[in-house]
Protein backbone atom coordinates (compact mmCIF):
# COMPACT_ATOMS: atom_id res chain seq x y z
CA MET A 1 0.00 0.00 0.00
CA LYS A 2 2.74 2.44 0.84
CA THR A 3 4.45 1.68 -2.49
CA THR A 4 1.21 2.16 -4.43
CA LYS A 5 0.49 5.42 -2.56
CA LEU A 6 3.99 6.70 -3.20
CA MET A 7 3.77 5.89 -6.92
CA PHE A 8 0.37 7.65 -7.07
CA MET A 9 1.77 10.76 -5.39
CA LYS A 10 4.74 10.90 -7.78
CA THR A 11 2.45 10.43 -10.77
CA THR A 12 0.14 13.15 -9.49
CA LYS A 13 3.05 15.53 -8.93
CA LEU A 14 4.38 14.90 -12.45
CA MET A 15 0.94 15.52 -13.90
CA SER A 16 0.61 18.75 -11.87
CA CYS A 17 3.98 19.99 -13.14
CA ALA A 18 3.03 19.17 -16.70
CA LEU A 19 -0.29 20.94 -16.27
CA CYS A 20 1.40 24.04 -14.80
CA ALA A 21 3.86 24.11 -17.67
CA ALA A 22 1.02 23.91 -20.17
CA VAL A 23 -0.86 26.70 -18.43
CA LEU A 24 2.23 28.93 -18.44
CA VAL A 25 2.81 28.26 -22.13
CA ALA A 26 -0.82 29.10 -22.81
CA PHE A 27 -0.50 32.40 -20.94
CA GLY A 28 2.67 33.15 -22.85
CA LEU A 29 0.70 32.78 -26.06
CA VAL A 30 -2.44 34.69 -25.17
CA GLY A 31 -1.11 37.36 -22.78
CA CYS A 32 -1.06 37.95 -19.04
CA ASP A 33 -4.24 39.91 -18.44
CA LYS A 34 -5.61 37.51 -15.78
CA VAL A 35 -2.59 36.04 -14.03
CA ASP A 36 -3.07 37.69 -10.66
CA ILE A 37 -2.56 34.35 -8.84
CA TYR A 38 0.97 34.03 -10.22
CA LYS A 39 3.82 35.92 -8.67
CA ILE A 40 6.18 37.59 -11.15
CA ASN A 41 9.49 39.37 -10.75
CA ALA A 42 8.40 42.95 -11.60
CA PRO A 43 8.78 46.50 -10.20
CA SER A 44 6.54 47.12 -7.23
CA ASN A 45 4.86 50.05 -9.02
CA LEU A 46 4.18 48.17 -12.28
CA GLN A 47 0.42 48.23 -11.85
CA SER A 48 0.39 51.95 -11.09
CA ARG A 49 2.44 52.53 -14.26
CA ILE A 50 -0.03 50.49 -16.29
CA ASP A 51 -2.96 52.37 -14.76
CA SER A 52 -1.26 55.69 -15.46
CA ILE A 53 -0.70 54.81 -19.13
CA ALA A 54 -4.30 53.67 -19.47
CA ALA A 55 -5.60 56.83 -17.80
CA SER A 56 -3.52 59.04 -20.10
CA LYS A 57 -5.32 57.76 -23.18
CA PRO A 58 -8.69 59.36 -23.94
CA LYS A 59 -11.59 57.00 -23.30
CA THR A 60 -13.20 57.42 -26.70
CA GLY A 61 -13.50 55.22 -29.72
CA ASP A 62 -12.67 58.08 -32.05
CA THR A 63 -9.10 59.12 -31.28
CA THR A 64 -6.46 60.08 -33.82
CA TYR A 65 -2.94 60.15 -32.43
CA ILE A 66 -0.58 62.61 -34.11
CA THR A 67 3.12 61.90 -34.58
CA ILE A 68 5.19 64.77 -33.19
CA ALA A 69 8.04 65.54 -35.58
CA THR A 70 9.65 68.27 -33.46
CA ALA A 71 9.99 66.89 -29.94
CA ILE A 72 12.26 69.64 -28.56
CA VAL A 73 11.08 73.09 -29.63
CA GLY A 74 13.40 76.06 -29.18
CA ALA A 75 16.93 76.40 -27.88
CA GLU A 76 17.32 74.47 -24.64
CA ASN A 77 19.04 77.46 -23.01
CA ASN A 78 15.79 79.43 -23.61
CA SER A 79 17.52 81.89 -25.92
CA SER A 80 15.05 81.58 -28.80
CA ALA A 81 13.63 85.02 -29.58
CA TRP A 82 10.01 85.67 -30.44
CA TRP A 83 8.80 84.16 -33.72
CA THR A 84 11.94 82.14 -34.35
CA ALA A 85 11.05 78.68 -32.96
CA PHE A 86 7.78 76.81 -33.50
CA THR A 87 6.15 73.44 -32.91
CA ASP A 88 4.71 71.39 -35.75
CA TYR A 89 1.51 72.62 -37.37
CA PHE A 90 -1.55 70.85 -35.96
CA THR A 91 -4.68 70.77 -38.13
CA ILE A 92 -8.03 70.78 -36.33
CA PRO A 93 -11.04 69.93 -38.50
CA THR A 94 -14.44 71.22 -37.48
CA ASN A 95 -16.07 69.19 -34.69
CA LYS A 96 -12.67 68.02 -33.42
CA LEU A 97 -10.67 68.80 -30.28
CA LEU A 98 -6.87 68.89 -30.37
CA HIS A 99 -5.14 67.87 -27.14
CA LEU A 100 -1.48 68.83 -26.66
CA GLU A 101 0.81 67.94 -23.77
CA PHE A 102 4.32 69.24 -23.18
CA VAL A 103 6.79 70.36 -20.53
CA ASN A 104 7.28 74.13 -20.48
CA HIS A 105 10.72 75.62 -19.79
CA THR A 106 11.34 79.34 -19.37
CA SER A 107 14.12 81.85 -18.88
CA GLY A 108 11.94 83.20 -16.07
CA VAL A 109 12.67 86.80 -17.05
CA ASN A 110 9.24 87.87 -18.30
CA ASN A 111 5.70 86.54 -17.97
CA TRP A 112 5.53 85.80 -21.70
CA ASN A 113 8.75 83.75 -21.76
CA ASN A 114 6.59 80.62 -21.78
CA TRP A 115 4.23 78.98 -24.28
CA ASN A 116 2.35 81.07 -26.83
CA LEU A 117 -0.45 79.61 -28.98
CA ALA A 118 -1.36 80.72 -32.50
CA VAL A 119 -4.62 79.70 -34.20
CA VAL A 120 -4.48 80.41 -37.94
CA ASN A 121 -6.08 79.51 -41.26
CA VAL A 122 -3.33 77.66 -43.18
CA ALA A 123 -0.34 75.48 -42.24
CA ASN A 124 2.27 77.79 -43.76
CA ARG A 125 3.39 81.00 -42.07
CA ASP A 126 5.02 82.13 -45.33
CA ALA A 127 1.94 81.60 -47.51
CA ALA A 128 0.39 84.61 -49.20
CA ASP A 129 -3.03 83.73 -47.77
CA TYR A 130 -1.75 83.06 -44.22
CA LYS A 131 -3.88 84.83 -41.62
CA GLU A 132 -4.19 84.56 -37.86
CA TYR A 133 -7.38 84.22 -35.88
CA PHE A 134 -5.50 85.06 -32.70
CA VAL A 135 -2.36 84.57 -30.63
CA LEU A 136 -2.90 83.59 -26.99
CA ARG A 137 -0.14 83.92 -24.42
CA SER A 138 0.22 81.84 -21.27
CA ASP A 139 0.11 85.00 -19.13
CA ALA A 140 -3.58 85.67 -19.94
CA TYR A 141 -2.85 88.06 -22.78
CA GLY A 142 -3.13 87.93 -26.55
CA TRP A 143 -4.16 89.67 -29.74
CA GLY A 144 -6.13 89.15 -32.92
CA GLY A 145 -4.97 88.72 -36.48
CA THR A 146 -6.00 89.52 -40.00
CA MET A 147 -8.72 86.85 -40.16
CA ALA A 148 -10.85 89.60 -38.60
CA ASN A 149 -10.44 91.45 -41.90
CA VAL A 150 -12.10 88.49 -43.63
CA ASP A 151 -15.00 88.35 -41.17
CA ALA A 152 -15.51 90.96 -38.45
CA SER A 153 -16.99 88.30 -36.15
CA TYR A 154 -13.51 86.70 -35.93
CA ALA A 155 -12.19 89.66 -33.93
CA PHE A 156 -10.11 88.89 -30.85
CA ASP A 157 -11.79 89.79 -27.55
CA ILE A 158 -9.36 89.98 -24.63
CA LYS A 159 -12.28 90.11 -22.18
CA MET A 160 -12.96 86.46 -22.98
CA ILE A 161 -9.69 85.34 -21.36
CA THR A 162 -10.08 83.86 -17.89
CA GLN A 163 -7.41 82.66 -15.45
CA ASN A 164 -7.16 81.40 -11.87
CA TYR A 165 -3.55 82.42 -11.21
CA PRO A 166 -3.01 82.58 -7.43
CA ASP A 167 -0.89 84.81 -5.25
CA THR A 168 0.74 81.89 -3.50
CA ASP A 169 3.29 83.88 -1.52
CA GLY A 170 0.77 86.54 -0.44
CA ASP A 171 2.84 89.51 -1.60
CA GLY A 172 0.07 91.00 -3.77
CA ASP A 173 1.83 90.02 -7.01
CA ILE A 174 0.55 86.95 -8.89
CA TRP A 175 3.15 87.17 -11.65
CA ASN A 176 6.25 86.28 -9.64
CA ASP A 177 4.39 83.15 -8.55
CA PHE A 178 3.30 82.50 -12.14
CA ARG A 179 6.87 82.64 -13.44
CA THR A 180 8.00 80.20 -10.74
CA THR A 181 5.20 77.72 -11.41
CA MET A 182 5.73 77.76 -15.19
CA GLN A 183 9.36 76.64 -14.87
CA GLY A 184 9.20 72.95 -15.75
CA ALA A 185 5.39 72.87 -15.62
CA HIS A 186 3.50 70.06 -17.33
CA VAL A 187 1.06 71.79 -19.67
CA SER A 188 -1.98 70.41 -21.46
CA ILE A 189 -3.89 72.53 -23.96
CA ASP A 190 -7.28 71.62 -25.42
CA ILE A 191 -8.26 73.49 -28.59
CA ASP A 192 -11.86 72.60 -29.36
CA HIS A 193 -13.06 73.51 -32.87
CA SER A 194 -16.79 73.37 -32.36
CA ALA A 195 -19.17 72.93 -35.28
CA THR A 196 -21.01 75.93 -33.82
CA GLY A 197 -18.30 78.12 -35.39
CA ASN A 198 -16.33 78.78 -32.22
CA VAL A 199 -13.01 77.65 -30.79
CA PHE A 200 -12.61 76.98 -27.08
CA VAL A 201 -9.12 76.89 -25.55
CA THR A 202 -8.37 75.48 -22.12
CA ALA A 203 -4.75 75.48 -20.97
CA THR A 204 -3.84 73.71 -17.74
CA ALA A 205 -0.34 73.95 -16.27
CA VAL A 206 0.73 71.93 -13.23
CA GLY A 207 3.96 73.19 -11.73
CA THR A 208 6.61 71.12 -10.04
CA ASN A 209 5.47 72.97 -6.90
CA GLY A 210 2.00 71.40 -7.28
CA THR A 211 0.27 74.65 -8.25
CA LYS A 212 -2.38 74.25 -10.95
CA LEU A 213 -2.95 77.14 -13.35
CA VAL A 214 -5.92 77.23 -15.72
CA GLU A 215 -6.43 79.73 -18.55
CA THR A 216 -9.36 79.73 -20.99
CA TYR A 217 -10.30 81.65 -24.12
CA GLN A 218 -12.98 81.43 -26.79
CA GLN A 219 -13.88 83.26 -29.98
CA PRO A 220 -15.66 82.66 -33.30
CA VAL A 221 -13.77 80.91 -36.12
CA SER A 222 -14.85 79.27 -39.37
CA ALA A 223 -17.49 76.61 -38.75
CA THR A 224 -16.47 74.61 -41.84
CA ALA A 225 -12.81 75.24 -42.74
CA ASP A 226 -9.97 73.57 -40.81
CA ILE A 227 -8.15 75.69 -38.29
CA ILE A 228 -4.41 75.30 -37.65
CA SER A 229 -2.58 75.71 -34.37
CA PHE A 230 1.05 75.83 -33.32
CA LEU A 231 3.08 76.93 -30.30
CA ILE A 232 5.71 79.68 -30.37
CA CYS A 233 8.76 80.04 -28.15
CA ASP A 234 9.80 83.35 -26.65
CA GLY A 235 12.72 83.02 -24.25
CA SER A 236 11.40 79.49 -23.63
CA HIS A 237 11.47 75.93 -24.97
CA PHE A 238 9.15 72.93 -24.86
CA GLU A 239 9.43 69.15 -24.57
CA MET A 240 6.50 67.93 -26.66
CA LYS A 241 4.93 64.78 -25.20
CA LYS A 242 1.59 64.06 -26.81
CA ALA A 243 -0.88 65.20 -29.47
CA TYR A 244 -4.19 63.68 -30.50
CA LEU A 245 -7.61 64.56 -31.88
CA ILE A 246 -10.93 63.55 -30.31
CA PRO A 247 -14.52 64.64 -31.03
CA SER A 248 -15.49 68.16 -30.00
CA LYS A 249 -17.00 68.52 -26.56
CA VAL A 250 -19.09 71.53 -27.54
CA THR A 251 -22.21 70.86 -29.59
CA VAL A 252 -24.34 73.76 -28.35
CA VAL A 253 -23.26 77.24 -27.29
CA ALA A 254 -25.40 78.87 -24.61
CA ASP A 255 -27.11 82.02 -25.84
CA VAL A 256 -26.75 85.32 -23.96
CA ASN A 257 -28.54 88.66 -24.10
CA PRO A 258 -27.02 92.02 -25.04
CA VAL A 259 -26.37 94.33 -22.10
CA SER A 260 -25.15 97.52 -23.82
CA ILE A 261 -24.44 99.17 -27.15
CA ALA A 262 -21.85 101.83 -27.97
CA VAL A 263 -21.42 103.84 -31.15
CA THR A 264 -18.25 105.42 -32.53
CA GLY A 265 -17.47 107.55 -35.56
CA THR A 266 -20.86 109.22 -35.70
CA PRO A 267 -20.92 112.53 -37.58
CA THR A 268 -20.86 115.66 -35.44
CA PHE A 269 -22.55 117.64 -38.17
CA VAL A 270 -24.37 117.03 -41.45
CA GLU A 271 -25.04 119.53 -44.22
CA PHE A 272 -28.57 120.68 -44.82
CA GLY A 273 -30.06 118.54 -47.57
CA SER A 274 -28.26 115.33 -46.58
CA LYS A 275 -30.23 112.54 -44.93
CA ASN A 276 -27.19 110.48 -43.93
CA PHE A 277 -27.11 110.95 -40.17
CA TRP A 278 -25.14 107.70 -39.59
CA GLY A 279 -22.15 108.24 -41.91
CA ASP A 280 -19.34 105.76 -41.33
CA ALA A 281 -20.28 105.14 -37.70
CA LYS A 282 -19.91 101.72 -36.07
CA ALA A 283 -22.00 100.06 -33.36
CA THR A 284 -20.49 97.61 -30.85
CA VAL A 285 -22.69 95.43 -28.64
CA THR A 286 -21.55 93.86 -25.36
CA PHE A 287 -23.24 90.65 -24.19
CA ALA A 288 -23.90 89.18 -20.77
CA ASP A 289 -20.91 86.81 -21.00
CA GLY A 290 -18.56 89.79 -21.36
CA SER A 291 -17.92 89.36 -25.07
CA SER A 292 -18.56 92.11 -27.59
CA LYS A 293 -18.83 92.41 -31.34
CA GLN A 294 -19.32 95.03 -33.99
CA VAL A 295 -22.83 94.62 -35.43
CA ASP A 296 -24.02 95.26 -38.94
CA THR A 297 -26.06 98.39 -39.56
CA THR A 298 -28.89 96.20 -40.87
CA ASP A 299 -29.28 94.80 -37.35
CA ILE A 300 -29.62 98.12 -35.56
CA SER A 301 -32.71 100.31 -35.46
CA PHE A 302 -33.16 104.03 -34.92
CA ASN A 303 -35.91 104.66 -32.40
CA ILE A 304 -35.72 108.42 -32.95
CA ILE A 305 -35.01 109.52 -36.50
CA PRO A 306 -33.87 113.15 -36.62
CA ASP A 307 -35.60 115.81 -38.71
CA MET A 308 -32.95 116.57 -41.31
CA THR A 309 -35.06 119.26 -43.03
CA THR A 310 -34.29 121.93 -40.45
CA LEU A 311 -31.07 123.40 -39.05
CA GLY A 312 -29.97 122.79 -35.48
CA THR A 313 -29.01 120.06 -33.02
CA LYS A 314 -30.55 116.64 -33.54
CA THR A 315 -30.69 113.52 -31.34
CA VAL A 316 -30.43 110.00 -32.74
CA VAL A 317 -31.40 106.94 -30.63
CA VAL A 318 -29.77 103.66 -31.67
CA ALA A 319 -31.12 100.26 -30.53
CA TYR A 320 -30.16 96.60 -30.89
CA SER A 321 -32.44 93.69 -29.96
CA LYS A 322 -30.70 90.40 -30.85
CA THR A 323 -29.04 87.86 -28.59
CA LYS A 324 -25.53 86.63 -29.29
CA GLN A 325 -26.96 83.77 -31.34
CA GLY A 326 -29.24 86.08 -33.30
CA ALA A 327 -32.60 85.55 -31.60
CA TYR A 328 -34.76 88.60 -30.96
CA GLY A 329 -35.13 89.75 -27.39
CA LYS A 330 -35.01 92.78 -25.13
CA ALA A 331 -33.32 95.76 -26.80
CA VAL A 332 -30.39 97.85 -25.57
CA SER A 333 -29.98 101.43 -26.74
CA THR A 334 -27.83 104.54 -26.73
CA PHE A 335 -27.94 107.96 -28.38
CA TYR A 336 -25.78 110.63 -29.95
CA THR A 337 -26.30 114.18 -31.22
CA LEU A 338 -25.32 115.97 -34.41
CA GLU A 339 -25.73 119.40 -35.94
CA VAL A 340 -27.54 120.08 -39.22
CA THR A 341 -25.71 123.02 -40.79
CA ASN A 342 -25.63 125.04 -43.96
CA SER A 343 -23.44 123.66 -46.77
CA VAL A 344 -19.65 124.11 -46.64
CA SER A 345 -18.38 126.53 -49.27
CA SER A 346 -14.64 126.52 -48.45
CA LEU A 347 -11.96 125.08 -46.15
CA ALA A 348 -8.81 126.52 -44.58
CA VAL A 349 -6.07 125.09 -42.37
CA THR A 350 -6.08 127.48 -39.43
CA THR A 351 -3.61 125.52 -37.24
CA LEU A 352 -0.82 123.44 -38.73
CA PRO A 353 -0.35 119.83 -37.55
CA ASN A 354 2.33 118.92 -35.04
CA ILE A 355 4.42 117.33 -37.80
CA THR A 356 5.17 119.60 -40.74
CA THR A 357 8.55 118.13 -41.76
CA TYR A 358 8.70 114.45 -42.82
CA TYR A 359 11.79 112.34 -43.36
CA TYR A 360 11.51 109.66 -46.01
CA TYR A 361 13.62 107.18 -47.96
CA ASN A 362 11.37 104.85 -49.96
CA SER A 363 9.28 105.99 -52.91
CA ASP A 364 5.97 105.03 -51.29
CA SER A 365 3.59 107.88 -50.51
CA ILE A 366 3.46 108.82 -46.85
CA LYS A 367 0.56 108.71 -44.42
CA PHE A 368 -0.37 112.18 -43.20
CA ASN A 369 -0.31 112.53 -39.40
CA THR A 370 -3.16 114.90 -38.61
CA THR A 371 -2.43 115.33 -34.90
CA GLY A 372 -2.79 119.00 -33.95
CA ILE A 373 -4.28 120.21 -37.23
CA VAL A 374 -7.31 122.53 -37.15
CA VAL A 375 -9.42 122.91 -40.30
CA THR A 376 -12.05 125.66 -40.39
CA ALA A 377 -15.05 125.65 -42.71
CA THR A 378 -16.84 128.65 -44.15
CA TYR A 379 -20.53 127.89 -44.64
CA SER A 380 -22.86 129.15 -47.35
CA ASP A 381 -24.30 131.78 -45.01
CA GLY A 382 -20.82 133.21 -44.29
CA THR A 383 -20.48 131.72 -40.81
CA LYS A 384 -17.39 129.71 -39.83
CA GLY A 385 -16.83 126.62 -37.73
CA ILE A 386 -14.10 124.08 -36.94
CA LEU A 387 -14.58 120.74 -38.68
CA PRO A 388 -13.64 117.58 -36.75
CA ASN A 389 -10.98 115.46 -38.43
CA ALA A 390 -13.43 112.57 -38.63
CA SER A 391 -15.48 114.62 -41.12
CA LEU A 392 -12.50 115.13 -43.43
CA LYS A 393 -10.51 113.00 -45.83
CA PHE A 394 -6.72 113.40 -45.78
CA GLY A 395 -4.62 112.51 -48.79
CA LYS A 396 -1.15 110.94 -48.66
CA ILE A 397 2.05 112.92 -48.99
CA PRO A 398 4.18 112.50 -52.15
CA ALA A 399 7.62 111.03 -51.40
CA ALA A 400 9.79 113.78 -52.89
CA SER A 401 12.24 116.21 -51.34
CA GLY A 402 11.32 119.81 -50.75
CA SER A 403 7.96 121.57 -50.37
CA GLN A 404 4.97 119.27 -50.69
CA ALA A 405 1.30 119.43 -49.77
CA ALA A 406 -1.33 117.04 -48.44
CA VAL A 407 -4.83 117.42 -49.88
CA ILE A 408 -7.68 117.75 -47.39
CA SER A 409 -11.26 117.18 -48.59
CA TYR A 410 -14.76 117.53 -47.27
CA VAL A 411 -17.42 115.57 -49.13
CA GLY A 412 -20.64 117.56 -48.80
CA ALA A 413 -24.23 116.86 -49.78
CA THR A 414 -23.86 118.52 -53.17
CA LYS A 415 -20.13 119.03 -53.73
CA THR A 416 -16.62 118.23 -52.48
CA VAL A 417 -14.55 121.09 -51.07
CA THR A 418 -10.75 120.86 -50.74
CA THR A 419 -7.73 122.66 -49.35
CA THR A 420 -4.07 121.76 -48.82
CA CYS A 421 -1.62 121.63 -45.94
CA PRO A 422 1.99 122.72 -46.69
CA LEU A 423 4.74 120.27 -45.66
CA THR A 424 8.48 119.79 -46.12
CA LEU A 425 10.16 116.48 -46.99
CA VAL A 426 13.80 115.52 -46.34
CA LYS A 427 15.38 112.32 -47.64
CA GLY A 428 17.24 110.05 -45.23
CA ILE A 429 19.98 107.47 -45.89
CA SER A 430 18.02 104.24 -45.20
CA GLN A 431 14.72 102.92 -43.91
CA VAL A 432 13.59 100.04 -41.69
CA GLY A 433 9.95 98.98 -42.04
CA ALA A 434 7.15 99.52 -44.52
CA THR A 435 5.78 103.03 -45.00
CA ASP A 436 2.20 101.77 -44.58
CA PHE A 437 2.98 100.37 -41.08
CA SER A 438 2.41 96.79 -42.27
CA SER A 439 5.73 95.28 -41.12
CA ALA A 440 5.21 92.46 -38.62
CA TRP A 441 7.53 91.78 -35.69
CA TRP A 442 10.97 90.36 -36.49
CA THR A 443 10.58 90.76 -40.25
CA VAL A 444 12.49 94.01 -40.97
CA PHE A 445 16.00 94.91 -39.81
CA SER A 446 18.65 97.53 -40.32
CA ALA A 447 22.19 96.69 -41.30
CA ASP A 448 24.49 95.41 -38.55
CA TYR A 449 26.79 98.04 -37.05
CA THR A 450 30.04 97.02 -35.40
CA VAL A 451 30.72 98.56 -31.99
CA ALA A 452 34.39 98.13 -31.17
CA SER A 453 35.57 97.64 -27.60
CA GLY A 454 35.76 100.98 -25.80
CA SER A 455 33.76 102.84 -28.49
CA SER A 456 30.18 103.95 -29.19
CA LYS A 457 27.87 103.84 -32.20
CA THR A 458 25.17 106.53 -32.55
CA LEU A 459 22.21 106.22 -34.92
CA THR A 460 19.81 109.12 -35.53
CA MET A 461 16.40 108.40 -36.99
CA TYR A 462 12.80 109.55 -37.23
CA CYS A 463 10.15 107.06 -36.20
CA TYR A 464 6.69 106.98 -37.83
CA SER A 465 4.17 104.72 -36.13
CA ASP A 466 0.49 103.80 -36.12
CA ASN A 467 0.64 104.84 -32.42
CA LEU A 468 -1.41 101.80 -31.38
CA ALA A 469 1.06 100.21 -28.96
CA ASN A 470 4.18 101.16 -26.99
CA TRP A 471 6.28 98.63 -28.90
CA HIS A 472 5.45 100.08 -32.32
CA SER A 473 8.75 101.91 -31.97
CA PRO A 474 12.45 101.13 -32.45
CA CYS A 475 14.17 98.20 -30.72
CA THR A 476 17.92 97.67 -30.53
CA ILE A 477 19.45 94.21 -31.00
CA LEU A 478 22.83 93.46 -29.44
CA ARG A 479 24.49 90.42 -30.98
CA LYS A 480 27.65 88.80 -32.24
CA ALA A 481 28.80 88.90 -35.83
CA ASP A 482 27.27 85.42 -36.29
CA LYS A 483 23.86 86.76 -35.12
CA THR A 484 24.00 85.11 -31.68
CA GLU A 485 22.03 87.51 -29.49
CA TYR A 486 23.03 89.09 -26.22
CA GLY A 487 19.71 90.89 -25.89
CA VAL A 488 16.99 93.02 -27.43
CA VAL A 489 15.99 96.29 -25.74
CA ARG A 490 12.88 98.25 -26.65
CA MET A 491 12.33 101.97 -26.45
CA ASP A 492 9.57 101.47 -23.86
CA ASN A 493 11.60 100.22 -20.90
CA TRP A 494 11.58 96.51 -21.72
CA GLY A 495 13.90 93.86 -23.10
CA TRP A 496 15.03 90.23 -23.04
CA GLY A 497 17.95 87.95 -23.83
CA THR A 498 20.82 86.14 -22.16
CA GLY A 499 22.68 89.36 -21.38
CA TYR A 500 19.64 91.41 -20.41
CA GLY A 501 19.37 90.05 -16.87
CA THR A 502 22.29 92.18 -15.70
CA ALA A 503 20.94 95.45 -17.11
CA THR A 504 19.87 98.43 -15.03
CA LEU A 505 16.89 100.31 -16.52
CA THR A 506 16.20 104.02 -16.12
CA SER A 507 13.82 106.34 -17.99
CA ASP A 508 11.67 109.45 -17.54
CA TRP A 509 8.65 108.59 -19.71
CA ASN A 510 5.20 110.04 -19.21
CA TRP A 511 3.40 106.77 -19.90
CA GLY A 512 0.06 108.53 -20.32
CA ILE A 513 1.25 110.05 -23.62
CA PHE A 514 4.00 107.63 -24.69
CA THR A 515 2.03 105.66 -27.30
CA SER A 516 0.24 108.63 -28.82
CA SER A 517 3.51 110.55 -29.18
CA ILE A 518 5.69 107.99 -31.00
CA SER A 519 5.05 109.02 -34.60
CA GLY A 520 7.24 111.83 -35.86
CA SER A 521 9.68 111.50 -32.98
CA LYS A 522 13.39 112.07 -33.47
CA VAL A 523 15.17 109.11 -31.86
CA VAL A 524 18.91 109.06 -31.18
CA ILE A 525 20.21 105.63 -30.11
CA THR A 526 23.74 105.32 -28.72
CA VAL A 527 25.27 101.88 -28.09
CA THR A 528 28.41 101.97 -25.98
CA ASN A 529 30.79 99.02 -25.71
CA ASN A 530 32.31 99.55 -22.27
CA GLY A 531 35.24 97.22 -22.99
CA ASN A 532 34.55 95.17 -19.85
CA ASN A 533 32.06 92.76 -21.43
CA THR A 534 29.13 95.07 -20.77
CA ALA A 535 27.28 97.52 -23.01
CA ASP A 536 24.98 100.50 -22.45
CA ILE A 537 22.14 101.62 -24.71
CA LEU A 538 20.70 105.14 -24.53
CA TYR A 539 17.56 106.34 -26.32
CA THR A 540 17.18 110.13 -26.51
CA VAL A 541 13.73 110.92 -27.87
CA THR A 542 12.27 114.24 -28.98
CA TYR A 543 8.54 114.19 -29.70
CA ALA A 544 7.09 116.15 -32.60
CA ASN A 545 5.85 118.74 -30.08
CA GLY A 546 9.42 119.29 -28.80
CA GLU A 547 9.06 117.35 -25.54
CA THR A 548 12.14 115.21 -24.72
CA HIS A 549 12.60 111.94 -22.82
CA PHE A 550 15.21 109.21 -22.40
CA GLN A 551 15.48 105.46 -21.92
CA LYS A 552 18.70 103.84 -20.74
CA TYR A 553 19.90 100.26 -20.30
CA ALA A 554 23.21 100.02 -18.46
CA GLY A 555 25.36 96.93 -18.00
CA VAL A 556 23.99 94.47 -20.57
CA THR A 557 26.34 91.48 -20.60
CA VAL A 558 28.14 91.08 -23.95
CA ASP A 559 31.47 89.92 -25.34
CA SER A 560 33.26 93.21 -25.85
CA SER A 561 35.48 91.64 -28.52
CA ASP A 562 32.45 90.76 -30.67
CA LEU A 563 29.62 93.29 -30.43
CA ASN A 564 27.27 94.42 -33.19
CA CYS A 565 23.99 96.29 -33.01
CA ALA A 566 21.01 96.46 -35.35
CA LEU A 567 17.51 97.93 -35.35
CA VAL A 568 14.16 96.17 -35.64
CA THR A 569 10.63 97.54 -35.47
CA GLU A 570 7.01 96.55 -36.07
CA GLU A 571 3.93 98.34 -37.40
CA SER A 572 6.08 101.44 -37.73
CA TYR A 573 9.05 102.52 -39.80
CA LEU A 574 12.37 104.22 -39.13
CA VAL A 575 14.07 106.67 -41.44
CA ILE A 576 17.76 106.76 -40.54
CA VAL A 577 19.38 110.11 -41.21
CA ASN A 578 22.92 109.44 -39.93
């Protein structure tokens, strides 16, 4: 019995081993999804890694993963200047959401030295038909592009940006905390191209300090055409991790009511006999969600129509009664006044404009800066009155040396009356930027000027600007002969670059008038190579009205044995005279 029992036990053990081997081979063939009862030699956190990978994939049956061609975007020392380093183009069809993930690295110098997102119409920045819907910065700022020229509803609306950026150190300044959190932050950006004709952006950054920052933005875009997005470096670089498309999460946009209407450009007077009391005016409606848009004149009504058959002051009441989605509802209204006058028989310039001498270089005709000009009308009854500039048309100035004149016209009810303004033109030696103010940032440059150790280089120029932003003015680039940059310093007390961090900034600007005073200013820029691997830059600025100011950057770190300077500008142009 013992022998039989022993043989049975051995046989059973052999059969068990064979069975186990067969089971293991079977699992090796079909996978290990259900082998919890078997102990394997694996890292203790293997399951958490598996769960993390599974959780990172969208739980949808309609996901398109995108291969990332450019994994590291921008110089890894964060020296890439604005508009010089970009991610791949990412196409977002209508009714799709693009999800991007990356690690953000920053120089930490400025708020905008982080990620910047562009949403555009074509995947080619150099294409003739390239236009931007908007550029959104990580620091809750941005601007619109020329797609708004295609459709006014595509206009950028900064009031639609939201952010939750905290003051974590309690010093009353959120931006020092923002810059700290963004260093090495893991960022995910969702760009949802809704079939409703809107794009919804949600950017979430989780810092290595655990702080979570969320920024959102939305605006109308094409409901049918693809939109394109890409990221831009600016004193930053990115480690791209993931990109995929999933179905849009927005199928319906909540409607909101209008809360106010404002009108601009309304005529201050109209000649007797004319019935056009609206002229070239524009109406802008603000809605309950904080957004606003310029509305078509066919959608506004005039609750009080003025009597244009008599002279005197008239009141016009303007109303708008549509929701954001176009449904009729409760109206909002405003009003303006105008004067019905006798016809204009002649014009005269009774006060010359602030700028009467223009410097030029190119052959393009020059935009007339009307600041300070006073034009007086003589009416048919012999009375006189000052005409607002908005009622006049100003011609361009011929680009030719010597005495020139700009034509000024008033288009009346029955005839057009003109006069001229005398001007003087002087030719410079070179020009940076287009005369029509169309030059975009980092597209137009002066020649490079060598600044030898222990010497200075002085450039004198006249700046003509659209006066719409502080930075539509000259900037100075400090760099090596091979174009490696030390820094870029603007006229308006700001700069960036590897050598900029050591600079001391001083200026005496009156910021209330800085932007409006740029055009026509004489700007003298002196770059001094101190010979000790630092450089100073001094702007001496004389406004067209004679007022003077300065901007100085002292101690920018450079290599004194290899220092060059050059000029760059945007939406303005510089005429260099020596």
